[in-house]
Amino acid sequence: MEYITFLLIGVVGGTVAGLMGIGGGTVIIPLLLYLSGIDIKAATAVSLVHIVFASISGTIFNYYQKTIIFKYSLYFGLSSMAFSFLGGYFTKFIPDLTIKIMYISALTVSFIILLLRSRFKSHKMEPSKKDLYKIIPIGAVAGFLAGILGIGGGFLFVPALLFFMGLPMNIATGTSLGAIIFTSIPGLAGKLLSVDFNVLFGIIVGIGGIGGARLGTYLKRKINPLTTRIIFILFFVVVFIRVIIDILRNFNII
């Protein structure tokens, strides 16, 4: 029964991620916390296993759709690898409450990007060397946070690809997935060294997530964009309230 629960979490998380065009880790973590009952550190580790599966399959899909620029994926990915490993390893030293606060902050950034994405415009120009140098600190921060939180880092990669590289949204999200391969694998290696979790559960969630992502991508073509946005807003509100309640309970406020 446990395996079925984790498979369903992967399917639901992948479907929502594919439908909304957001990182799977952002969706998977609250599902793991509140449906499987595992703790936050184990949830971030299981999520990273899922992201390894999702980023590889998503990158292959975007390659055939011609919505990825590998050069930029390498720039961001290589600049984040070492920091992702450090984030994954140092997870064991970070209090659960701090991780939840960091997670809700990352979720909020993803929420804002989704709401504003229609206003982002491509400036269609080759980035300057100055823009490329900005990738290093962005990759470092994204990698470190991704390693800790068990998310891909796309919540920082996507806006950077939009603003510094001038890519259209669909290319930016596809290219971000390519970078996330480089982020998720070292991050997972760090988790394996520091966090006690069931790797098999992560593999099951990952397999479910791949199928769910395909379903979400299909539904995205069938569902009105306004309906999709409303679904995500409702999801965000429910998760935000639930995590905030957890945080307030830690301070004995409620």
C-alpha atoms as a PDB file:
ATOM      1  CA  MET A   1       0.000   0.000   0.000  1.00  0.00           C
ATOM      2  CA  GLU A   2       2.897   2.360   0.735  1.00  0.00           C
ATOM      3  CA  TYR A   3       4.255   1.844  -2.769  1.00  0.00           C
ATOM      4  CA  ILE A   4       0.885   2.692  -4.310  1.00  0.00           C
ATOM      5  CA  THR A   5       0.746   5.883  -2.237  1.00  0.00           C
ATOM      6  CA  PHE A   6       4.161   7.006  -3.487  1.00  0.00           C
ATOM      7  CA  LEU A   7       3.279   6.074  -7.071  1.00  0.00           C
ATOM      8  CA  LEU A   8       0.095   8.155  -6.865  1.00  0.00           C
ATOM      9  CA  ILE A   9       2.050  11.059  -5.344  1.00  0.00           C
ATOM     10  CA  GLY A  10       4.389  10.903  -8.338  1.00  0.00           C
ATOM     11  CA  VAL A  11       1.509  10.789 -10.830  1.00  0.00           C
ATOM     12  CA  VAL A  12      -0.373  13.661  -9.174  1.00  0.00           C
ATOM     13  CA  GLY A  13       2.779  15.751  -8.721  1.00  0.00           C
ATOM     14  CA  GLY A  14       3.921  15.139 -12.289  1.00  0.00           C
ATOM     15  CA  THR A  15       0.475  15.954 -13.680  1.00  0.00           C
ATOM     16  CA  VAL A  16       0.255  19.237 -11.786  1.00  0.00           C
ATOM     17  CA  ALA A  17       3.832  20.151 -12.754  1.00  0.00           C
ATOM     18  CA  GLY A  18       3.206  19.339 -16.431  1.00  0.00           C
ATOM     19  CA  LEU A  19      -0.089  21.226 -16.411  1.00  0.00           C
ATOM     20  CA  MET A  20       1.339  24.328 -14.724  1.00  0.00           C
ATOM     21  CA  GLY A  21       4.804  24.285 -16.280  1.00  0.00           C
ATOM     22  CA  ILE A  22       6.516  24.503 -12.877  1.00  0.00           C
ATOM     23  CA  GLY A  23       9.164  22.437 -11.167  1.00  0.00           C
ATOM     24  CA  GLY A  24       7.997  19.042  -9.951  1.00  0.00           C
ATOM     25  CA  GLY A  25       9.778  19.403  -6.619  1.00  0.00           C
ATOM     26  CA  THR A  26       7.641  22.393  -5.728  1.00  0.00           C
ATOM     27  CA  VAL A  27       4.561  20.171  -6.023  1.00  0.00           C
ATOM     28  CA  ILE A  28       5.971  16.853  -4.813  1.00  0.00           C
ATOM     29  CA  ILE A  29       7.271  18.046  -1.428  1.00  0.00           C
ATOM     30  CA  PRO A  30       3.899  19.051   0.119  1.00  0.00           C
ATOM     31  CA  LEU A  31       2.326  15.870  -1.251  1.00  0.00           C
ATOM     32  CA  LEU A  32       5.051  13.812   0.408  1.00  0.00           C
ATOM     33  CA  LEU A  33       4.765  15.720   3.681  1.00  0.00           C
ATOM     34  CA  TYR A  34       1.010  15.535   4.065  1.00  0.00           C
ATOM     35  CA  LEU A  35       0.099  12.306   2.256  1.00  0.00           C
ATOM     36  CA  SER A  36       2.991   9.955   3.039  1.00  0.00           C
ATOM     37  CA  GLY A  37       3.877  11.257   6.507  1.00  0.00           C
ATOM     38  CA  ILE A  38       7.659  11.329   5.987  1.00  0.00           C
ATOM     39  CA  ASP A  39       9.641  14.202   7.511  1.00  0.00           C
ATOM     40  CA  ILE A  40      10.759  17.295   5.590  1.00  0.00           C
ATOM     41  CA  LYS A  41      14.389  16.202   5.108  1.00  0.00           C
ATOM     42  CA  ALA A  42      13.390  12.793   3.747  1.00  0.00           C
ATOM     43  CA  ALA A  43      10.803  14.522   1.543  1.00  0.00           C
ATOM     44  CA  THR A  44      13.483  16.766  -0.003  1.00  0.00           C
ATOM     45  CA  ALA A  45      15.663  13.710  -0.705  1.00  0.00           C
ATOM     46  CA  VAL A  46      12.833  11.682  -2.271  1.00  0.00           C
ATOM     47  CA  SER A  47      11.921  14.761  -4.309  1.00  0.00           C
ATOM     48  CA  LEU A  48      15.466  14.975  -5.709  1.00  0.00           C
ATOM     49  CA  VAL A  49      15.289  11.350  -6.890  1.00  0.00           C
ATOM     50  CA  HIS A  50      12.073  12.286  -8.667  1.00  0.00           C
ATOM     51  CA  ILE A  51      13.706  15.382 -10.188  1.00  0.00           C
ATOM     52  CA  VAL A  52      16.578  13.332 -11.643  1.00  0.00           C
ATOM     53  CA  PHE A  53      13.987  11.224 -13.502  1.00  0.00           C
ATOM     54  CA  ALA A  54      11.853  14.231 -14.468  1.00  0.00           C
ATOM     55  CA  SER A  55      14.714  16.445 -15.674  1.00  0.00           C
ATOM     56  CA  ILE A  56      16.224  13.723 -17.898  1.00  0.00           C
ATOM     57  CA  SER A  57      12.885  12.725 -19.450  1.00  0.00           C
ATOM     58  CA  GLY A  58      11.821  16.382 -19.752  1.00  0.00           C
ATOM     59  CA  THR A  59      15.099  17.337 -21.444  1.00  0.00           C
ATOM     60  CA  ILE A  60      14.685  14.544 -24.003  1.00  0.00           C
ATOM     61  CA  PHE A  61      11.106  15.705 -24.647  1.00  0.00           C
ATOM     62  CA  ASN A  62      12.211  19.341 -25.073  1.00  0.00           C
ATOM     63  CA  TYR A  63      15.025  18.279 -27.404  1.00  0.00           C
ATOM     64  CA  TYR A  64      12.518  16.739 -29.807  1.00  0.00           C
ATOM     65  CA  GLN A  65      10.269  19.782 -29.415  1.00  0.00           C
ATOM     66  CA  LYS A  66      13.279  22.046 -30.177  1.00  0.00           C
ATOM     67  CA  THR A  67      12.626  24.047 -26.996  1.00  0.00           C
ATOM     68  CA  ILE A  68      16.064  23.776 -25.388  1.00  0.00           C
ATOM     69  CA  ILE A  69      19.430  25.502 -25.903  1.00  0.00           C
ATOM     70  CA  PHE A  70      22.063  23.142 -24.506  1.00  0.00           C
ATOM     71  CA  LYS A  71      24.771  25.809 -24.374  1.00  0.00           C
ATOM     72  CA  TYR A  72      22.823  27.767 -21.777  1.00  0.00           C
ATOM     73  CA  SER A  73      21.849  24.588 -19.918  1.00  0.00           C
ATOM     74  CA  LEU A  74      25.577  23.879 -19.548  1.00  0.00           C
ATOM     75  CA  TYR A  75      26.349  27.419 -18.366  1.00  0.00           C
ATOM     76  CA  PHE A  76      23.807  27.244 -15.574  1.00  0.00           C
ATOM     77  CA  GLY A  77      24.239  23.566 -14.789  1.00  0.00           C
ATOM     78  CA  LEU A  78      28.019  23.581 -14.456  1.00  0.00           C
ATOM     79  CA  SER A  79      27.952  26.725 -12.287  1.00  0.00           C
ATOM     80  CA  SER A  80      25.547  25.047  -9.837  1.00  0.00           C
ATOM     81  CA  MET A  81      26.873  21.485  -9.507  1.00  0.00           C
ATOM     82  CA  ALA A  82      29.271  21.851  -6.578  1.00  0.00           C
ATOM     83  CA  PHE A  83      26.866  24.065  -4.646  1.00  0.00           C
ATOM     84  CA  SER A  84      24.011  21.633  -5.190  1.00  0.00           C
ATOM     85  CA  PHE A  85      26.110  18.854  -3.657  1.00  0.00           C
ATOM     86  CA  LEU A  86      26.950  21.072  -0.692  1.00  0.00           C
ATOM     87  CA  GLY A  87      23.289  21.970  -0.222  1.00  0.00           C
ATOM     88  CA  GLY A  88      22.305  18.302  -0.284  1.00  0.00           C
ATOM     89  CA  TYR A  89      25.037  17.345   2.167  1.00  0.00           C
ATOM     90  CA  PHE A  90      24.466  20.194   4.621  1.00  0.00           C
ATOM     91  CA  THR A  91      20.739  19.432   4.813  1.00  0.00           C
ATOM     92  CA  LYS A  92      21.389  17.374   7.938  1.00  0.00           C
ATOM     93  CA  PHE A  93      22.659  20.461   9.776  1.00  0.00           C
ATOM     94  CA  ILE A  94      19.657  22.653   8.948  1.00  0.00           C
ATOM     95  CA  PRO A  95      16.611  22.650  11.276  1.00  0.00           C
ATOM     96  CA  ASP A  96      13.352  21.365   9.784  1.00  0.00           C
ATOM     97  CA  LEU A  97      11.666  24.690  10.494  1.00  0.00           C
ATOM     98  CA  THR A  98      14.289  26.589   8.492  1.00  0.00           C
ATOM     99  CA  ILE A  99      13.827  24.230   5.542  1.00  0.00           C
ATOM    100  CA  LYS A 100      10.061  24.825   5.610  1.00  0.00           C
ATOM    101  CA  ILE A 101      10.567  28.597   5.623  1.00  0.00           C
ATOM    102  CA  MET A 102      12.998  28.323   2.698  1.00  0.00           C
ATOM    103  CA  TYR A 103      10.546  26.078   0.848  1.00  0.00           C
ATOM    104  CA  ILE A 104       7.603  28.460   1.245  1.00  0.00           C
ATOM    105  CA  SER A 105       9.823  31.284  -0.037  1.00  0.00           C
ATOM    106  CA  ALA A 106      10.776  29.276  -3.139  1.00  0.00           C
ATOM    107  CA  LEU A 107       7.124  28.351  -3.718  1.00  0.00           C
ATOM    108  CA  THR A 108       6.176  32.037  -3.547  1.00  0.00           C
ATOM    109  CA  VAL A 109       8.796  32.917  -6.173  1.00  0.00           C
ATOM    110  CA  SER A 110       7.452  30.154  -8.453  1.00  0.00           C
ATOM    111  CA  PHE A 111       3.933  31.471  -7.913  1.00  0.00           C
ATOM    112  CA  ILE A 112       4.914  35.032  -8.875  1.00  0.00           C
ATOM    113  CA  ILE A 113       6.773  33.848 -11.995  1.00  0.00           C
ATOM    114  CA  LEU A 114       3.759  31.848 -13.142  1.00  0.00           C
ATOM    115  CA  LEU A 115       1.425  34.828 -12.710  1.00  0.00           C
ATOM    116  CA  LEU A 116       3.788  37.212 -14.508  1.00  0.00           C
ATOM    117  CA  ARG A 117       5.103  34.913 -17.225  1.00  0.00           C
ATOM    118  CA  SER A 118       2.761  36.335 -19.886  1.00  0.00           C
ATOM    119  CA  ARG A 119       4.407  39.746 -19.351  1.00  0.00           C
ATOM    120  CA  PHE A 120       7.932  38.471 -19.915  1.00  0.00           C
ATOM    121  CA  LYS A 121       9.140  39.377 -23.379  1.00  0.00           C
ATOM    122  CA  SER A 122      12.112  38.060 -25.286  1.00  0.00           C
ATOM    123  CA  HIS A 123      14.591  40.777 -26.249  1.00  0.00           C
ATOM    124  CA  LYS A 124      16.143  38.374 -28.804  1.00  0.00           C
ATOM    125  CA  MET A 125      19.751  39.386 -28.432  1.00  0.00           C
ATOM    126  CA  GLU A 126      22.910  37.440 -27.772  1.00  0.00           C
ATOM    127  CA  PRO A 127      23.889  37.837 -24.102  1.00  0.00           C
ATOM    128  CA  SER A 128      27.027  39.828 -23.409  1.00  0.00           C
ATOM    129  CA  LYS A 129      29.995  38.498 -21.428  1.00  0.00           C
ATOM    130  CA  LYS A 130      28.754  40.597 -18.531  1.00  0.00           C
ATOM    131  CA  ASP A 131      25.442  38.703 -18.617  1.00  0.00           C
ATOM    132  CA  LEU A 132      27.248  35.369 -18.725  1.00  0.00           C
ATOM    133  CA  TYR A 133      29.297  36.277 -15.645  1.00  0.00           C
ATOM    134  CA  LYS A 134      26.044  36.812 -13.753  1.00  0.00           C
ATOM    135  CA  ILE A 135      25.259  33.135 -14.294  1.00  0.00           C
ATOM    136  CA  ILE A 136      27.925  32.023 -11.800  1.00  0.00           C
ATOM    137  CA  PRO A 137      26.381  33.570  -8.640  1.00  0.00           C
ATOM    138  CA  ILE A 138      22.853  32.734  -9.827  1.00  0.00           C
ATOM    139  CA  GLY A 139      23.884  29.128 -10.469  1.00  0.00           C
ATOM    140  CA  ALA A 140      25.594  28.946  -7.079  1.00  0.00           C
ATOM    141  CA  VAL A 141      22.522  30.203  -5.195  1.00  0.00           C
ATOM    142  CA  ALA A 142      20.093  28.085  -7.237  1.00  0.00           C
ATOM    143  CA  GLY A 143      22.248  24.981  -6.807  1.00  0.00           C
ATOM    144  CA  PHE A 144      22.667  25.407  -3.059  1.00  0.00           C
ATOM    145  CA  LEU A 145      18.956  26.003  -2.485  1.00  0.00           C
ATOM    146  CA  ALA A 146      18.015  23.162  -4.830  1.00  0.00           C
ATOM    147  CA  GLY A 147      20.277  20.792  -2.912  1.00  0.00           C
ATOM    148  CA  ILE A 148      18.728  21.752   0.411  1.00  0.00           C
ATOM    149  CA  LEU A 149      15.086  21.933  -0.656  1.00  0.00           C
ATOM    150  CA  GLY A 150      14.960  19.044  -3.091  1.00  0.00           C
ATOM    151  CA  ILE A 151      13.746  21.236  -5.938  1.00  0.00           C
ATOM    152  CA  GLY A 152      15.316  21.699  -9.325  1.00  0.00           C
ATOM    153  CA  GLY A 153      16.434  25.305  -9.129  1.00  0.00           C
ATOM    154  CA  GLY A 154      14.206  26.336 -12.018  1.00  0.00           C
ATOM    155  CA  PHE A 155      12.584  29.005  -9.860  1.00  0.00           C
ATOM    156  CA  LEU A 156      15.843  30.966 -10.319  1.00  0.00           C
ATOM    157  CA  PHE A 157      17.044  29.514 -13.645  1.00  0.00           C
ATOM    158  CA  VAL A 158      13.889  30.477 -15.563  1.00  0.00           C
ATOM    159  CA  PRO A 159      13.845  34.202 -14.695  1.00  0.00           C
ATOM    160  CA  ALA A 160      17.614  34.391 -15.306  1.00  0.00           C
ATOM    161  CA  LEU A 161      17.193  32.836 -18.766  1.00  0.00           C
ATOM    162  CA  LEU A 162      14.380  35.292 -19.466  1.00  0.00           C
ATOM    163  CA  PHE A 163      16.141  38.434 -18.288  1.00  0.00           C
ATOM    164  CA  PHE A 164      19.806  37.770 -19.128  1.00  0.00           C
ATOM    165  CA  MET A 165      19.505  35.515 -22.174  1.00  0.00           C
ATOM    166  CA  GLY A 166      16.305  36.991 -23.627  1.00  0.00           C
ATOM    167  CA  LEU A 167      14.759  33.594 -24.286  1.00  0.00           C
ATOM    168  CA  PRO A 168      11.023  33.074 -24.862  1.00  0.00           C
ATOM    169  CA  MET A 169       9.226  31.400 -21.946  1.00  0.00           C
ATOM    170  CA  ASN A 170       8.896  27.965 -23.588  1.00  0.00           C
ATOM    171  CA  ILE A 171      12.620  27.917 -24.471  1.00  0.00           C
ATOM    172  CA  ALA A 172      13.571  29.186 -21.011  1.00  0.00           C
ATOM    173  CA  THR A 173      11.626  26.410 -19.239  1.00  0.00           C
ATOM    174  CA  GLY A 174      13.056  23.722 -21.547  1.00  0.00           C
ATOM    175  CA  THR A 175      16.612  25.017 -21.162  1.00  0.00           C
ATOM    176  CA  SER A 176      16.131  25.210 -17.397  1.00  0.00           C
ATOM    177  CA  LEU A 177      15.249  21.503 -17.348  1.00  0.00           C
ATOM    178  CA  GLY A 178      18.553  20.717 -19.046  1.00  0.00           C
ATOM    179  CA  ALA A 179      20.412  22.670 -16.359  1.00  0.00           C
ATOM    180  CA  ILE A 180      18.480  20.886 -13.623  1.00  0.00           C
ATOM    181  CA  ILE A 181      20.076  17.555 -14.634  1.00  0.00           C
ATOM    182  CA  PHE A 182      23.417  18.983 -13.502  1.00  0.00           C
ATOM    183  CA  THR A 183      21.853  20.338 -10.328  1.00  0.00           C
ATOM    184  CA  SER A 184      19.783  17.352  -9.231  1.00  0.00           C
ATOM    185  CA  ILE A 185      22.371  14.572  -9.539  1.00  0.00           C
ATOM    186  CA  PRO A 186      25.049  16.183  -7.285  1.00  0.00           C
ATOM    187  CA  GLY A 187      22.289  17.323  -4.912  1.00  0.00           C
ATOM    188  CA  LEU A 188      21.039  13.751  -4.666  1.00  0.00           C
ATOM    189  CA  ALA A 189      24.594  12.530  -4.016  1.00  0.00           C
ATOM    190  CA  GLY A 190      24.790  14.962  -1.085  1.00  0.00           C
ATOM    191  CA  LYS A 191      21.438  13.726   0.262  1.00  0.00           C
ATOM    192  CA  LEU A 192      22.575  10.107   0.074  1.00  0.00           C
ATOM    193  CA  LEU A 193      25.522  10.971   2.318  1.00  0.00           C
ATOM    194  CA  SER A 194      23.547  12.947   4.888  1.00  0.00           C
ATOM    195  CA  VAL A 195      19.828  12.110   4.929  1.00  0.00           C
ATOM    196  CA  ASP A 196      18.156   8.863   5.973  1.00  0.00           C
ATOM    197  CA  PHE A 197      15.478   8.062   3.372  1.00  0.00           C
ATOM    198  CA  ASN A 198      14.137   5.229   1.236  1.00  0.00           C
ATOM    199  CA  VAL A 199      15.659   5.516  -2.261  1.00  0.00           C
ATOM    200  CA  LEU A 200      13.092   3.044  -3.635  1.00  0.00           C
ATOM    201  CA  PHE A 201      10.288   5.421  -2.668  1.00  0.00           C
ATOM    202  CA  GLY A 202      12.052   8.125  -4.668  1.00  0.00           C
ATOM    203  CA  ILE A 203      12.340   5.872  -7.722  1.00  0.00           C
ATOM    204  CA  ILE A 204       8.635   5.003  -7.501  1.00  0.00           C
ATOM    205  CA  VAL A 205       7.706   8.695  -7.217  1.00  0.00           C
ATOM    206  CA  GLY A 206      10.000   9.423 -10.169  1.00  0.00           C
ATOM    207  CA  ILE A 207       8.388   6.784 -12.379  1.00  0.00           C
ATOM    208  CA  GLY A 208       4.930   8.055 -11.452  1.00  0.00           C
ATOM    209  CA  GLY A 209       6.072  11.620 -12.102  1.00  0.00           C
ATOM    210  CA  ILE A 210       7.193  10.819 -15.648  1.00  0.00           C
ATOM    211  CA  GLY A 211       3.762   9.427 -16.519  1.00  0.00           C
ATOM    212  CA  GLY A 212       2.021  12.277 -14.727  1.00  0.00           C
ATOM    213  CA  ALA A 213       4.073  14.904 -16.566  1.00  0.00           C
ATOM    214  CA  ARG A 214       2.955  13.481 -19.901  1.00  0.00           C
ATOM    215  CA  LEU A 215      -0.655  13.545 -18.733  1.00  0.00           C
ATOM    216  CA  GLY A 216      -0.255  17.119 -17.494  1.00  0.00           C
ATOM    217  CA  THR A 217       1.261  18.220 -20.807  1.00  0.00           C
ATOM    218  CA  TYR A 218      -1.690  16.657 -22.640  1.00  0.00           C
ATOM    219  CA  LEU A 219      -4.241  18.312 -20.335  1.00  0.00           C
ATOM    220  CA  LYS A 220      -2.484  21.643 -20.765  1.00  0.00           C
ATOM    221  CA  ARG A 221      -3.512  21.632 -24.428  1.00  0.00           C
ATOM    222  CA  LYS A 222      -7.099  20.803 -23.533  1.00  0.00           C
ATOM    223  CA  ILE A 223      -7.765  23.086 -20.561  1.00  0.00           C
ATOM    224  CA  ASN A 224      -8.340  26.829 -20.821  1.00  0.00           C
ATOM    225  CA  PRO A 225      -5.216  28.754 -19.621  1.00  0.00           C
ATOM    226  CA  LEU A 226      -7.352  30.781 -17.195  1.00  0.00           C
ATOM    227  CA  THR A 227      -8.615  27.544 -15.626  1.00  0.00           C
ATOM    228  CA  THR A 228      -5.037  26.304 -15.322  1.00  0.00           C
ATOM    229  CA  ARG A 229      -4.014  29.508 -13.577  1.00  0.00           C
ATOM    230  CA  ILE A 230      -6.950  29.272 -11.155  1.00  0.00           C
ATOM    231  CA  ILE A 231      -6.019  25.658 -10.318  1.00  0.00           C
ATOM    232  CA  PHE A 232      -2.459  26.700  -9.504  1.00  0.00           C
ATOM    233  CA  ILE A 233      -3.605  29.652  -7.404  1.00  0.00           C
ATOM    234  CA  LEU A 234      -5.824  27.310  -5.371  1.00  0.00           C
ATOM    235  CA  PHE A 235      -2.961  24.829  -5.007  1.00  0.00           C
ATOM    236  CA  PHE A 236      -0.599  27.570  -3.889  1.00  0.00           C
ATOM    237  CA  VAL A 237      -3.083  28.952  -1.341  1.00  0.00           C
ATOM    238  CA  VAL A 238      -3.772  25.515   0.188  1.00  0.00           C
ATOM    239  CA  VAL A 239      -0.079  24.580   0.447  1.00  0.00           C
ATOM    240  CA  PHE A 240       0.938  28.036   1.666  1.00  0.00           C
ATOM    241  CA  ILE A 241      -1.664  27.984   4.458  1.00  0.00           C
ATOM    242  CA  ARG A 242      -0.740  24.416   5.463  1.00  0.00           C
ATOM    243  CA  VAL A 243       2.993  25.120   5.675  1.00  0.00           C
ATOM    244  CA  ILE A 244       2.434  28.433   7.476  1.00  0.00           C
ATOM    245  CA  ILE A 245       0.312  26.579  10.057  1.00  0.00           C
ATOM    246  CA  ASP A 246       3.209  24.143  10.592  1.00  0.00           C
ATOM    247  CA  ILE A 247       5.640  27.045  11.024  1.00  0.00           C
ATOM    248  CA  LEU A 248       3.372  28.851  13.500  1.00  0.00           C
ATOM    249  CA  ARG A 249       2.938  25.641  15.502  1.00  0.00           C
ATOM    250  CA  ASN A 250       6.710  25.433  15.865  1.00  0.00           C
ATOM    251  CA  PHE A 251       6.596  28.825  17.548  1.00  0.00           C
ATOM    252  CA  ASN A 252       3.596  27.737  19.681  1.00  0.00           C
ATOM    253  CA  ILE A 253       1.543  30.573  18.169  1.00  0.00           C
ATOM    254  CA  ILE A 254      -1.408  28.315  17.363  1.00  0.00           C
END
